[in-house]
Amino acid sequence: MAIKRKTSEKKAKKKPDKSKSDKKLAESRKKESEKNTIKALFTGENVISNTKEAISLYSQSRFGELKQGKIVYSIVEALYLIEKKKMTLYFDRKKLNFEKLIDFAKQKNKRIRTKYLVFRDMRNRGFIVKTALKFGAEFRIYARGIKPGEDHAKWILYPVSENQELTWHDFSAKNRVAHSTKKNLLIGIVDEEEDVTYYEISWTKP
């Protein structure tokens, strides 16, 4: 009786597709990131959100103002959060990106980019920045580690482009506002490279 020999053939193992694995990992990270992203609505005037992510960030870093259970953001705050990929903004059911929001804002404030660059720089340095329109200034700045409500702002801040003219009358008026509100005056000058230099001005009695 003839015995047939079985030849063992090794099947080549299929190597995992690294590109598909990387793609799945990227998609997973994107979904995880989107879970923590604030979804907000642009009304044409303000940016509003009532999500738990918005409330959480307000509690941590005082982004926005809490009004009637909603967080209301200034335009520069919304721009900052969009640029940091922490906010997805909608207008008429369509997503509104950074540049489109800037274009909307320019219709009412042509200096919005200068204003935003100073806001971004101060936030990146760890300061809480809030509007200061009632003081006749652009921003009020709190010392590091201090939140609004815990103490008063230390500075009022005026953003200025290096190409912008500032008369002595303007300068004196800004200094008087700071003095009357018992705050120090900061001038934030933005150069052509979008770097910001700060000058602190105070009253001196001869």
N, C-alpha and C. Protein backbone atom coordinates (compact mmCIF):
# COMPACT_ATOMS: atom_id res chain seq x y z
N MET A 1 0.85 -1.19 0.00
CA MET A 1 0.00 0.00 0.00
C MET A 1 0.89 1.24 0.00
N ALA A 2 0.59 2.07 -0.95
CA ALA A 2 1.40 3.29 -1.07
C ALA A 2 0.93 4.33 -0.06
N ILE A 3 1.90 4.94 0.57
CA ILE A 3 1.58 5.98 1.56
C ILE A 3 1.84 7.34 0.94
N LYS A 4 0.79 8.14 0.91
CA LYS A 4 0.95 9.48 0.35
C LYS A 4 1.49 10.41 1.43
N ARG A 5 2.48 11.10 1.06
CA ARG A 5 3.07 12.08 1.99
C ARG A 5 2.41 13.44 1.80
N LYS A 6 2.02 13.99 2.93
CA LYS A 6 1.42 15.34 2.87
C LYS A 6 2.51 16.38 3.02
N THR A 7 2.54 17.22 2.09
CA THR A 7 3.55 18.31 2.16
C THR A 7 2.94 19.48 2.90
N SER A 8 3.65 19.95 3.88
CA SER A 8 3.15 21.09 4.68
C SER A 8 3.58 22.39 4.02
N GLU A 9 2.61 23.14 3.67
CA GLU A 9 2.90 24.43 3.07
C GLU A 9 2.58 25.54 4.09
N LYS A 10 3.54 26.32 4.27
CA LYS A 10 3.35 27.43 5.22
C LYS A 10 2.62 28.57 4.51
N LYS A 11 1.52 28.90 5.09
CA LYS A 11 0.78 30.02 4.52
C LYS A 11 1.40 31.33 4.99
N ALA A 12 1.61 32.16 4.04
CA ALA A 12 2.21 33.46 4.37
C ALA A 12 1.20 34.29 5.15
N LYS A 13 1.63 34.76 6.31
CA LYS A 13 0.76 35.59 7.13
C LYS A 13 0.61 36.98 6.51
N LYS A 14 -0.62 37.41 6.47
CA LYS A 14 -0.88 38.72 5.91
C LYS A 14 -0.50 39.81 6.90
N LYS A 15 0.39 40.66 6.45
CA LYS A 15 0.84 41.73 7.34
C LYS A 15 -0.26 42.78 7.48
N PRO A 16 -0.41 43.28 8.69
CA PRO A 16 -1.44 44.31 8.89
C PRO A 16 -1.12 45.56 8.09
N ASP A 17 -2.14 46.18 7.55
CA ASP A 17 -1.98 47.42 6.78
C ASP A 17 -1.77 48.58 7.74
N LYS A 18 -0.53 49.05 7.80
CA LYS A 18 -0.18 50.11 8.76
C LYS A 18 -0.93 51.40 8.46
N SER A 19 -1.12 51.68 7.17
CA SER A 19 -1.79 52.93 6.81
C SER A 19 -3.23 52.94 7.30
N LYS A 20 -3.91 51.76 7.21
CA LYS A 20 -5.28 51.67 7.70
C LYS A 20 -5.33 51.81 9.22
N SER A 21 -4.33 51.20 9.88
CA SER A 21 -4.25 51.27 11.34
C SER A 21 -4.05 52.72 11.80
N ASP A 22 -3.16 53.42 11.11
CA ASP A 22 -2.89 54.82 11.45
C ASP A 22 -4.13 55.69 11.20
N LYS A 23 -4.85 55.36 10.12
CA LYS A 23 -6.04 56.12 9.78
C LYS A 23 -7.12 55.96 10.84
N LYS A 24 -7.29 54.71 11.30
CA LYS A 24 -8.28 54.43 12.34
C LYS A 24 -7.92 55.15 13.63
N LEU A 25 -6.61 55.14 13.96
CA LEU A 25 -6.14 55.81 15.17
C LEU A 25 -6.40 57.31 15.09
N ALA A 26 -6.14 57.89 13.90
CA ALA A 26 -6.36 59.33 13.71
C ALA A 26 -7.84 59.67 13.83
N GLU A 27 -8.69 58.81 13.27
CA GLU A 27 -10.14 59.04 13.33
C GLU A 27 -10.64 58.93 14.77
N SER A 28 -10.06 57.97 15.51
CA SER A 28 -10.44 57.79 16.91
C SER A 28 -10.06 59.01 17.75
N ARG A 29 -8.86 59.53 17.48
CA ARG A 29 -8.40 60.72 18.21
C ARG A 29 -9.25 61.94 17.85
N LYS A 30 -9.63 62.03 16.58
CA LYS A 30 -10.45 63.15 16.13
C LYS A 30 -11.81 63.13 16.82
N LYS A 31 -12.42 61.93 16.90
CA LYS A 31 -13.71 61.79 17.56
C LYS A 31 -13.62 62.15 19.04
N GLU A 32 -12.52 61.70 19.67
CA GLU A 32 -12.31 61.99 21.09
C GLU A 32 -12.15 63.48 21.31
N SER A 33 -11.43 64.13 20.38
CA SER A 33 -11.22 65.57 20.48
C SER A 33 -12.53 66.33 20.29
N GLU A 34 -13.37 65.85 19.35
CA GLU A 34 -14.64 66.50 19.08
C GLU A 34 -15.60 66.41 20.26
N LYS A 35 -15.45 65.34 21.05
CA LYS A 35 -16.29 65.18 22.23
C LYS A 35 -16.08 66.33 23.22
N ASN A 36 -14.84 66.81 23.30
CA ASN A 36 -14.50 67.86 24.25
C ASN A 36 -14.56 69.26 23.63
N THR A 37 -14.99 69.34 22.36
CA THR A 37 -15.07 70.63 21.67
C THR A 37 -16.39 71.32 22.00
N ILE A 38 -16.30 72.62 22.27
CA ILE A 38 -17.49 73.41 22.55
C ILE A 38 -18.24 73.68 21.25
N LYS A 39 -19.51 73.36 21.22
CA LYS A 39 -20.35 73.69 20.08
C LYS A 39 -21.09 74.98 20.42
N ALA A 40 -20.92 75.99 19.56
CA ALA A 40 -21.46 77.31 19.85
C ALA A 40 -22.18 77.88 18.63
N LEU A 41 -23.02 78.89 18.90
CA LEU A 41 -23.82 79.53 17.86
C LEU A 41 -23.46 81.01 17.77
N PHE A 42 -23.21 81.47 16.56
CA PHE A 42 -22.96 82.89 16.30
C PHE A 42 -24.28 83.56 15.94
N THR A 43 -24.67 84.56 16.72
CA THR A 43 -25.97 85.21 16.51
C THR A 43 -25.88 86.41 15.58
N GLY A 44 -24.67 86.77 15.20
CA GLY A 44 -24.47 88.00 14.43
C GLY A 44 -23.94 89.11 15.32
N GLU A 45 -24.15 88.96 16.62
CA GLU A 45 -23.64 89.90 17.62
C GLU A 45 -22.71 89.22 18.60
N ASN A 46 -23.17 88.09 19.13
CA ASN A 46 -22.41 87.35 20.14
C ASN A 46 -22.24 85.90 19.75
N VAL A 47 -21.44 85.21 20.53
CA VAL A 47 -21.27 83.77 20.39
C VAL A 47 -21.79 83.13 21.67
N ILE A 48 -22.69 82.16 21.54
CA ILE A 48 -23.38 81.60 22.71
C ILE A 48 -23.28 80.08 22.70
N SER A 49 -23.12 79.51 23.89
CA SER A 49 -23.14 78.05 24.05
C SER A 49 -23.74 77.69 25.40
N ASN A 50 -24.49 76.61 25.43
CA ASN A 50 -25.03 76.10 26.70
C ASN A 50 -24.57 74.67 26.96
N THR A 51 -23.47 74.27 26.32
CA THR A 51 -22.97 72.90 26.48
C THR A 51 -22.21 72.74 27.79
N LYS A 52 -22.09 71.50 28.23
CA LYS A 52 -21.35 71.24 29.47
C LYS A 52 -19.88 71.57 29.31
N GLU A 53 -19.36 71.45 28.06
CA GLU A 53 -17.96 71.79 27.82
C GLU A 53 -17.72 73.29 28.02
N ALA A 54 -18.69 74.10 27.59
CA ALA A 54 -18.58 75.55 27.76
C ALA A 54 -18.61 75.93 29.24
N ILE A 55 -19.52 75.31 29.99
CA ILE A 55 -19.62 75.58 31.43
C ILE A 55 -18.34 75.16 32.14
N SER A 56 -17.80 74.01 31.75
CA SER A 56 -16.57 73.49 32.37
C SER A 56 -15.39 74.43 32.13
N LEU A 57 -15.24 74.89 30.87
CA LEU A 57 -14.12 75.77 30.56
C LEU A 57 -14.27 77.12 31.25
N TYR A 58 -15.51 77.59 31.39
CA TYR A 58 -15.75 78.83 32.12
C TYR A 58 -15.29 78.69 33.58
N SER A 59 -15.63 77.57 34.19
CA SER A 59 -15.25 77.34 35.58
C SER A 59 -13.73 77.28 35.75
N GLN A 60 -13.05 76.71 34.76
CA GLN A 60 -11.60 76.55 34.85
C GLN A 60 -10.85 77.83 34.53
N SER A 61 -11.23 78.47 33.41
CA SER A 61 -10.40 79.55 32.87
C SER A 61 -11.13 80.86 32.62
N ARG A 62 -12.43 80.91 32.96
CA ARG A 62 -13.24 82.12 32.80
C ARG A 62 -13.31 82.60 31.34
N PHE A 63 -13.43 81.65 30.41
CA PHE A 63 -13.74 82.04 29.04
C PHE A 63 -15.24 82.31 28.96
N GLY A 64 -15.60 83.50 28.49
CA GLY A 64 -17.01 83.87 28.37
C GLY A 64 -17.58 84.42 29.66
N GLU A 65 -18.87 84.76 29.59
CA GLU A 65 -19.61 85.25 30.76
C GLU A 65 -20.84 84.38 30.95
N LEU A 66 -21.12 83.99 32.18
CA LEU A 66 -22.27 83.15 32.48
C LEU A 66 -23.51 84.04 32.62
N LYS A 67 -24.47 83.85 31.70
CA LYS A 67 -25.70 84.64 31.72
C LYS A 67 -26.90 83.73 31.47
N GLN A 68 -27.78 83.62 32.46
CA GLN A 68 -29.01 82.84 32.35
C GLN A 68 -28.74 81.39 31.90
N GLY A 69 -27.74 80.81 32.49
CA GLY A 69 -27.43 79.41 32.21
C GLY A 69 -26.67 79.17 30.93
N LYS A 70 -26.31 80.24 30.21
CA LYS A 70 -25.55 80.12 28.97
C LYS A 70 -24.23 80.86 29.09
N ILE A 71 -23.26 80.42 28.29
CA ILE A 71 -21.98 81.14 28.24
C ILE A 71 -21.98 82.03 27.00
N VAL A 72 -21.77 83.31 27.22
CA VAL A 72 -21.72 84.29 26.13
C VAL A 72 -20.26 84.73 25.95
N TYR A 73 -19.75 84.53 24.73
CA TYR A 73 -18.35 84.83 24.44
C TYR A 73 -18.23 86.13 23.65
N SER A 74 -17.16 86.86 23.92
CA SER A 74 -16.80 87.97 23.05
C SER A 74 -16.24 87.39 21.75
N ILE A 75 -16.17 88.21 20.72
CA ILE A 75 -15.65 87.74 19.42
C ILE A 75 -14.21 87.25 19.54
N VAL A 76 -13.39 87.97 20.30
CA VAL A 76 -11.98 87.57 20.41
C VAL A 76 -11.83 86.26 21.18
N GLU A 77 -12.70 86.04 22.16
CA GLU A 77 -12.67 84.76 22.88
C GLU A 77 -13.03 83.61 21.95
N ALA A 78 -14.06 83.82 21.13
CA ALA A 78 -14.47 82.79 20.18
C ALA A 78 -13.37 82.52 19.16
N LEU A 79 -12.73 83.57 18.66
CA LEU A 79 -11.62 83.40 17.70
C LEU A 79 -10.50 82.57 18.32
N TYR A 80 -10.19 82.87 19.55
CA TYR A 80 -9.11 82.15 20.24
C TYR A 80 -9.44 80.67 20.38
N LEU A 81 -10.66 80.36 20.80
CA LEU A 81 -11.05 78.97 21.01
C LEU A 81 -11.15 78.21 19.69
N ILE A 82 -11.57 78.89 18.63
CA ILE A 82 -11.60 78.26 17.31
C ILE A 82 -10.19 77.94 16.84
N GLU A 83 -9.29 78.90 17.01
CA GLU A 83 -7.91 78.70 16.58
C GLU A 83 -7.24 77.57 17.36
N LYS A 84 -7.60 77.42 18.63
CA LYS A 84 -7.05 76.36 19.47
C LYS A 84 -7.79 75.03 19.30
N LYS A 85 -8.77 75.03 18.37
CA LYS A 85 -9.57 73.82 18.08
C LYS A 85 -10.36 73.34 19.31
N LYS A 86 -10.79 74.32 20.10
CA LYS A 86 -11.60 74.00 21.27
C LYS A 86 -13.07 74.38 21.08
N MET A 87 -13.37 74.98 19.92
CA MET A 87 -14.74 75.40 19.64
C MET A 87 -15.10 75.14 18.18
N THR A 88 -16.32 74.64 17.97
CA THR A 88 -16.89 74.55 16.63
C THR A 88 -18.06 75.53 16.59
N LEU A 89 -17.98 76.48 15.66
CA LEU A 89 -18.96 77.56 15.62
C LEU A 89 -19.90 77.40 14.42
N TYR A 90 -21.19 77.68 14.67
CA TYR A 90 -22.19 77.54 13.61
C TYR A 90 -22.93 78.87 13.42
N PHE A 91 -23.29 79.12 12.16
CA PHE A 91 -24.07 80.30 11.81
C PHE A 91 -25.00 79.91 10.66
N ASP A 92 -26.31 80.03 10.87
CA ASP A 92 -27.28 79.56 9.87
C ASP A 92 -27.04 78.09 9.51
N ARG A 93 -26.79 77.29 10.54
CA ARG A 93 -26.60 75.84 10.41
C ARG A 93 -25.34 75.44 9.62
N LYS A 94 -24.48 76.40 9.38
CA LYS A 94 -23.21 76.11 8.69
C LYS A 94 -22.04 76.42 9.62
N LYS A 95 -20.96 75.65 9.47
CA LYS A 95 -19.78 75.90 10.28
C LYS A 95 -19.13 77.21 9.86
N LEU A 96 -18.68 77.94 10.86
CA LEU A 96 -18.03 79.23 10.63
C LEU A 96 -16.59 79.10 11.09
N ASN A 97 -15.63 79.23 10.17
CA ASN A 97 -14.23 79.08 10.56
C ASN A 97 -13.64 80.41 11.04
N PHE A 98 -12.37 80.37 11.37
CA PHE A 98 -11.68 81.52 11.94
C PHE A 98 -11.75 82.74 11.02
N GLU A 99 -11.35 82.56 9.76
CA GLU A 99 -11.28 83.69 8.83
C GLU A 99 -12.65 84.29 8.54
N LYS A 100 -13.68 83.45 8.46
CA LYS A 100 -15.02 83.97 8.20
C LYS A 100 -15.54 84.79 9.38
N LEU A 101 -15.21 84.34 10.60
CA LEU A 101 -15.61 85.10 11.78
C LEU A 101 -14.87 86.45 11.83
N ILE A 102 -13.59 86.44 11.46
CA ILE A 102 -12.81 87.68 11.39
C ILE A 102 -13.47 88.65 10.40
N ASP A 103 -13.89 88.12 9.25
CA ASP A 103 -14.52 88.96 8.22
C ASP A 103 -15.82 89.58 8.74
N PHE A 104 -16.62 88.79 9.47
CA PHE A 104 -17.84 89.33 10.08
C PHE A 104 -17.50 90.46 11.05
N ALA A 105 -16.51 90.20 11.88
CA ALA A 105 -16.14 91.16 12.92
C ALA A 105 -15.59 92.47 12.34
N LYS A 106 -14.89 92.37 11.20
CA LYS A 106 -14.30 93.56 10.56
C LYS A 106 -15.35 94.57 10.14
N GLN A 107 -16.55 94.10 9.90
CA GLN A 107 -17.61 95.00 9.47
C GLN A 107 -17.95 96.03 10.55
N LYS A 108 -17.70 95.66 11.81
CA LYS A 108 -17.99 96.57 12.93
C LYS A 108 -16.72 97.13 13.59
N ASN A 109 -15.62 96.40 13.41
CA ASN A 109 -14.37 96.84 14.04
C ASN A 109 -13.20 96.50 13.12
N LYS A 110 -12.71 97.49 12.42
CA LYS A 110 -11.63 97.26 11.45
C LYS A 110 -10.32 96.87 12.11
N ARG A 111 -10.22 97.13 13.41
CA ARG A 111 -8.98 96.82 14.14
C ARG A 111 -9.07 95.47 14.87
N ILE A 112 -10.02 94.63 14.47
CA ILE A 112 -10.26 93.39 15.20
C ILE A 112 -9.04 92.48 15.21
N ARG A 113 -8.28 92.43 14.11
CA ARG A 113 -7.11 91.53 14.09
C ARG A 113 -6.05 92.00 15.09
N THR A 114 -5.80 93.30 15.15
CA THR A 114 -4.84 93.83 16.14
C THR A 114 -5.32 93.51 17.56
N LYS A 115 -6.60 93.72 17.78
CA LYS A 115 -7.20 93.44 19.08
C LYS A 115 -7.05 91.96 19.44
N TYR A 116 -7.31 91.11 18.45
CA TYR A 116 -7.23 89.67 18.69
C TYR A 116 -5.79 89.22 18.98
N LEU A 117 -4.83 89.75 18.24
CA LEU A 117 -3.43 89.34 18.44
C LEU A 117 -2.95 89.65 19.85
N VAL A 118 -3.38 90.79 20.39
CA VAL A 118 -3.01 91.15 21.76
C VAL A 118 -3.72 90.23 22.75
N PHE A 119 -5.01 89.98 22.51
CA PHE A 119 -5.77 89.06 23.37
C PHE A 119 -5.10 87.68 23.39
N ARG A 120 -4.77 87.16 22.21
CA ARG A 120 -4.16 85.83 22.13
C ARG A 120 -2.84 85.77 22.87
N ASP A 121 -2.03 86.81 22.70
CA ASP A 121 -0.73 86.84 23.35
C ASP A 121 -0.86 86.83 24.87
N MET A 122 -1.79 87.62 25.40
CA MET A 122 -1.97 87.68 26.85
C MET A 122 -2.52 86.36 27.40
N ARG A 123 -3.46 85.76 26.67
CA ARG A 123 -4.00 84.46 27.09
C ARG A 123 -2.92 83.39 27.06
N ASN A 124 -2.09 83.41 26.04
CA ASN A 124 -1.00 82.43 25.94
C ASN A 124 0.01 82.60 27.07
N ARG A 125 0.10 83.81 27.61
CA ARG A 125 1.01 84.08 28.73
C ARG A 125 0.39 83.69 30.08
N GLY A 126 -0.87 83.27 30.06
CA GLY A 126 -1.50 82.79 31.29
C GLY A 126 -2.36 83.80 32.02
N PHE A 127 -2.68 84.94 31.37
CA PHE A 127 -3.53 85.96 32.01
C PHE A 127 -4.98 85.79 31.58
N ILE A 128 -5.90 86.08 32.48
CA ILE A 128 -7.32 86.13 32.13
C ILE A 128 -7.62 87.52 31.59
N VAL A 129 -8.22 87.56 30.40
CA VAL A 129 -8.47 88.82 29.69
C VAL A 129 -9.98 88.98 29.49
N LYS A 130 -10.52 90.10 29.93
CA LYS A 130 -11.95 90.37 29.75
C LYS A 130 -12.12 91.74 29.11
N THR A 131 -13.28 91.98 28.53
CA THR A 131 -13.54 93.27 27.91
C THR A 131 -13.61 94.36 28.99
N ALA A 132 -13.37 95.61 28.57
CA ALA A 132 -13.36 96.71 29.53
C ALA A 132 -14.05 97.95 28.96
N LEU A 133 -15.11 97.72 28.21
CA LEU A 133 -15.79 98.84 27.55
C LEU A 133 -16.34 99.85 28.56
N LYS A 134 -16.80 99.35 29.70
CA LYS A 134 -17.36 100.28 30.70
C LYS A 134 -16.28 101.17 31.32
N PHE A 135 -15.02 100.77 31.16
CA PHE A 135 -13.90 101.60 31.65
C PHE A 135 -13.34 102.48 30.53
N GLY A 136 -13.89 102.35 29.32
CA GLY A 136 -13.37 103.13 28.20
C GLY A 136 -12.10 102.54 27.63
N ALA A 137 -11.89 101.23 27.83
CA ALA A 137 -10.69 100.56 27.31
C ALA A 137 -11.12 99.29 26.57
N GLU A 138 -10.17 98.63 25.93
CA GLU A 138 -10.48 97.39 25.22
C GLU A 138 -10.55 96.19 26.17
N PHE A 139 -9.51 96.05 27.02
CA PHE A 139 -9.42 94.88 27.88
C PHE A 139 -9.07 95.26 29.31
N ARG A 140 -9.50 94.40 30.23
CA ARG A 140 -8.97 94.46 31.59
C ARG A 140 -8.25 93.13 31.83
N ILE A 141 -7.12 93.21 32.51
CA ILE A 141 -6.24 92.05 32.68
C ILE A 141 -6.10 91.74 34.17
N TYR A 142 -6.26 90.47 34.49
CA TYR A 142 -6.12 90.01 35.88
C TYR A 142 -4.75 89.39 36.07
N ALA A 143 -4.20 89.59 37.26
CA ALA A 143 -2.90 88.99 37.58
C ALA A 143 -3.01 87.47 37.48
N ARG A 144 -1.89 86.83 37.18
CA ARG A 144 -1.89 85.36 37.04
C ARG A 144 -2.42 84.70 38.31
N GLY A 145 -3.29 83.72 38.12
CA GLY A 145 -3.84 82.98 39.25
C GLY A 145 -5.09 83.62 39.84
N ILE A 146 -5.47 84.81 39.34
CA ILE A 146 -6.64 85.52 39.86
C ILE A 146 -7.77 85.44 38.84
N LYS A 147 -8.97 85.08 39.31
CA LYS A 147 -10.14 85.03 38.46
C LYS A 147 -11.05 86.22 38.76
N PRO A 148 -11.81 86.68 37.76
CA PRO A 148 -12.80 87.74 38.03
C PRO A 148 -13.73 87.33 39.16
N GLY A 149 -13.95 88.24 40.07
CA GLY A 149 -14.78 87.94 41.23
C GLY A 149 -13.94 87.67 42.47
N GLU A 150 -12.69 87.20 42.26
CA GLU A 150 -11.79 86.97 43.39
C GLU A 150 -11.05 88.25 43.76
N ASP A 151 -10.77 89.09 42.77
CA ASP A 151 -10.10 90.37 43.00
C ASP A 151 -10.33 91.24 41.77
N HIS A 152 -9.97 92.51 41.88
CA HIS A 152 -10.13 93.41 40.76
C HIS A 152 -9.02 93.19 39.73
N ALA A 153 -9.29 93.60 38.50
CA ALA A 153 -8.27 93.54 37.45
C ALA A 153 -7.11 94.46 37.82
N LYS A 154 -5.90 94.07 37.42
CA LYS A 154 -4.70 94.86 37.75
C LYS A 154 -4.41 95.92 36.69
N TRP A 155 -4.72 95.60 35.41
CA TRP A 155 -4.41 96.51 34.31
C TRP A 155 -5.63 96.74 33.43
N ILE A 156 -5.64 97.88 32.73
CA ILE A 156 -6.47 98.02 31.55
C ILE A 156 -5.50 98.10 30.37
N LEU A 157 -5.92 97.50 29.25
CA LEU A 157 -5.01 97.31 28.12
C LEU A 157 -5.60 97.86 26.84
N TYR A 158 -4.77 98.62 26.12
CA TYR A 158 -5.14 99.16 24.81
C TYR A 158 -4.26 98.52 23.73
N PRO A 159 -4.84 97.76 22.80
CA PRO A 159 -4.06 97.22 21.68
C PRO A 159 -3.86 98.31 20.62
N VAL A 160 -2.63 98.41 20.12
CA VAL A 160 -2.31 99.42 19.11
C VAL A 160 -1.40 98.81 18.06
N SER A 161 -1.66 99.11 16.78
CA SER A 161 -0.75 98.69 15.72
C SER A 161 0.41 99.66 15.67
N GLU A 162 1.61 99.16 15.31
CA GLU A 162 2.78 100.04 15.27
C GLU A 162 2.63 101.14 14.20
N ASN A 163 1.72 100.93 13.25
CA ASN A 163 1.48 101.92 12.20
C ASN A 163 0.38 102.91 12.56
N GLN A 164 -0.23 102.68 13.72
CA GLN A 164 -1.34 103.53 14.15
C GLN A 164 -0.81 104.77 14.86
N GLU A 165 -1.40 105.90 14.52
CA GLU A 165 -0.98 107.15 15.18
C GLU A 165 -1.66 107.27 16.54
N LEU A 166 -0.86 107.67 17.52
CA LEU A 166 -1.37 107.87 18.87
C LEU A 166 -0.90 109.24 19.33
N THR A 167 -1.83 110.19 19.45
CA THR A 167 -1.46 111.54 19.84
C THR A 167 -1.25 111.62 21.35
N TRP A 168 -0.62 112.70 21.79
CA TRP A 168 -0.43 112.91 23.23
C TRP A 168 -1.77 113.05 23.93
N HIS A 169 -2.74 113.61 23.21
CA HIS A 169 -4.08 113.75 23.79
C HIS A 169 -4.68 112.36 24.04
N ASP A 170 -4.56 111.47 23.06
CA ASP A 170 -5.05 110.09 23.21
C ASP A 170 -4.34 109.39 24.36
N PHE A 171 -3.02 109.56 24.37
CA PHE A 171 -2.21 108.91 25.40
C PHE A 171 -2.60 109.39 26.80
N SER A 172 -2.78 110.71 26.93
CA SER A 172 -3.15 111.30 28.22
C SER A 172 -4.54 110.83 28.66
N ALA A 173 -5.47 110.72 27.70
CA ALA A 173 -6.83 110.28 28.02
C ALA A 173 -6.82 108.85 28.53
N LYS A 174 -6.04 107.99 27.91
CA LYS A 174 -5.95 106.59 28.34
C LYS A 174 -5.36 106.49 29.74
N ASN A 175 -4.37 107.32 30.00
CA ASN A 175 -3.73 107.31 31.31
C ASN A 175 -4.70 107.79 32.40
N ARG A 176 -5.53 108.77 32.06
CA ARG A 176 -6.51 109.28 33.04
C ARG A 176 -7.55 108.21 33.37
N VAL A 177 -7.97 107.44 32.32
CA VAL A 177 -8.94 106.36 32.56
C VAL A 177 -8.36 105.33 33.52
N ALA A 178 -7.11 104.96 33.28
CA ALA A 178 -6.46 103.97 34.16
C ALA A 178 -6.36 104.50 35.59
N HIS A 179 -5.98 105.76 35.72
CA HIS A 179 -5.82 106.35 37.05
C HIS A 179 -7.16 106.43 37.78
N SER A 180 -8.21 106.81 37.06
CA SER A 180 -9.53 106.96 37.70
C SER A 180 -10.13 105.62 38.11
N THR A 181 -9.74 104.54 37.46
CA THR A 181 -10.25 103.21 37.80
C THR A 181 -9.29 102.44 38.73
N LYS A 182 -8.23 103.14 39.14
CA LYS A 182 -7.23 102.55 40.05
C LYS A 182 -6.59 101.29 39.47
N LYS A 183 -6.27 101.38 38.18
CA LYS A 183 -5.61 100.27 37.50
C LYS A 183 -4.37 100.80 36.79
N ASN A 184 -3.44 99.89 36.52
CA ASN A 184 -2.26 100.27 35.76
C ASN A 184 -2.58 100.23 34.27
N LEU A 185 -1.91 101.07 33.51
CA LEU A 185 -2.16 101.16 32.07
C LEU A 185 -1.13 100.36 31.29
N LEU A 186 -1.63 99.52 30.38
CA LEU A 186 -0.77 98.78 29.47
C LEU A 186 -1.11 99.18 28.03
N ILE A 187 -0.09 99.43 27.24
CA ILE A 187 -0.25 99.62 25.81
C ILE A 187 0.41 98.42 25.12
N GLY A 188 -0.37 97.67 24.35
CA GLY A 188 0.17 96.52 23.62
C GLY A 188 0.35 96.89 22.16
N ILE A 189 1.60 96.97 21.70
CA ILE A 189 1.90 97.40 20.32
C ILE A 189 2.22 96.18 19.47
N VAL A 190 1.44 96.02 18.37
CA VAL A 190 1.61 94.89 17.46
C VAL A 190 2.43 95.33 16.26
N ASP A 191 3.54 94.61 15.97
CA ASP A 191 4.37 94.96 14.82
C ASP A 191 3.95 94.18 13.58
N GLU A 192 4.67 94.37 12.49
CA GLU A 192 4.31 93.75 11.22
C GLU A 192 4.44 92.23 11.25
N GLU A 193 5.29 91.70 12.15
CA GLU A 193 5.45 90.24 12.30
C GLU A 193 4.42 89.67 13.27
N GLU A 194 3.50 90.51 13.73
CA GLU A 194 2.44 90.15 14.66
C GLU A 194 2.97 89.79 16.05
N ASP A 195 4.17 90.28 16.37
CA ASP A 195 4.68 90.18 17.73
C ASP A 195 4.15 91.35 18.54
N VAL A 196 3.99 91.14 19.84
CA VAL A 196 3.41 92.18 20.69
C VAL A 196 4.42 92.62 21.75
N THR A 197 4.59 93.93 21.87
CA THR A 197 5.45 94.52 22.90
C THR A 197 4.57 95.37 23.81
N TYR A 198 4.81 95.25 25.12
CA TYR A 198 3.95 95.94 26.08
C TYR A 198 4.72 97.06 26.79
N TYR A 199 4.01 98.15 27.01
CA TYR A 199 4.56 99.26 27.79
C TYR A 199 3.60 99.55 28.92
N GLU A 200 4.11 99.57 30.13
CA GLU A 200 3.29 99.89 31.30
C GLU A 200 3.55 101.33 31.70
N ILE A 201 2.46 102.10 31.83
CA ILE A 201 2.57 103.52 32.13
C ILE A 201 1.90 103.80 33.46
N SER A 202 2.52 104.62 34.25
CA SER A 202 1.93 104.99 35.55
C SER A 202 2.14 106.47 35.83
N TRP A 203 1.32 107.01 36.73
CA TRP A 203 1.42 108.41 37.12
C TRP A 203 2.62 108.60 38.06
N THR A 204 3.29 109.72 37.91
CA THR A 204 4.40 110.07 38.80
C THR A 204 4.20 111.50 39.30
N LYS A 205 4.26 111.65 40.60
CA LYS A 205 4.15 112.99 41.18
C LYS A 205 5.53 113.59 41.35
N PRO A 206 5.77 114.77 40.78
CA PRO A 206 7.09 115.41 40.92
C PRO A 206 7.36 115.85 42.35
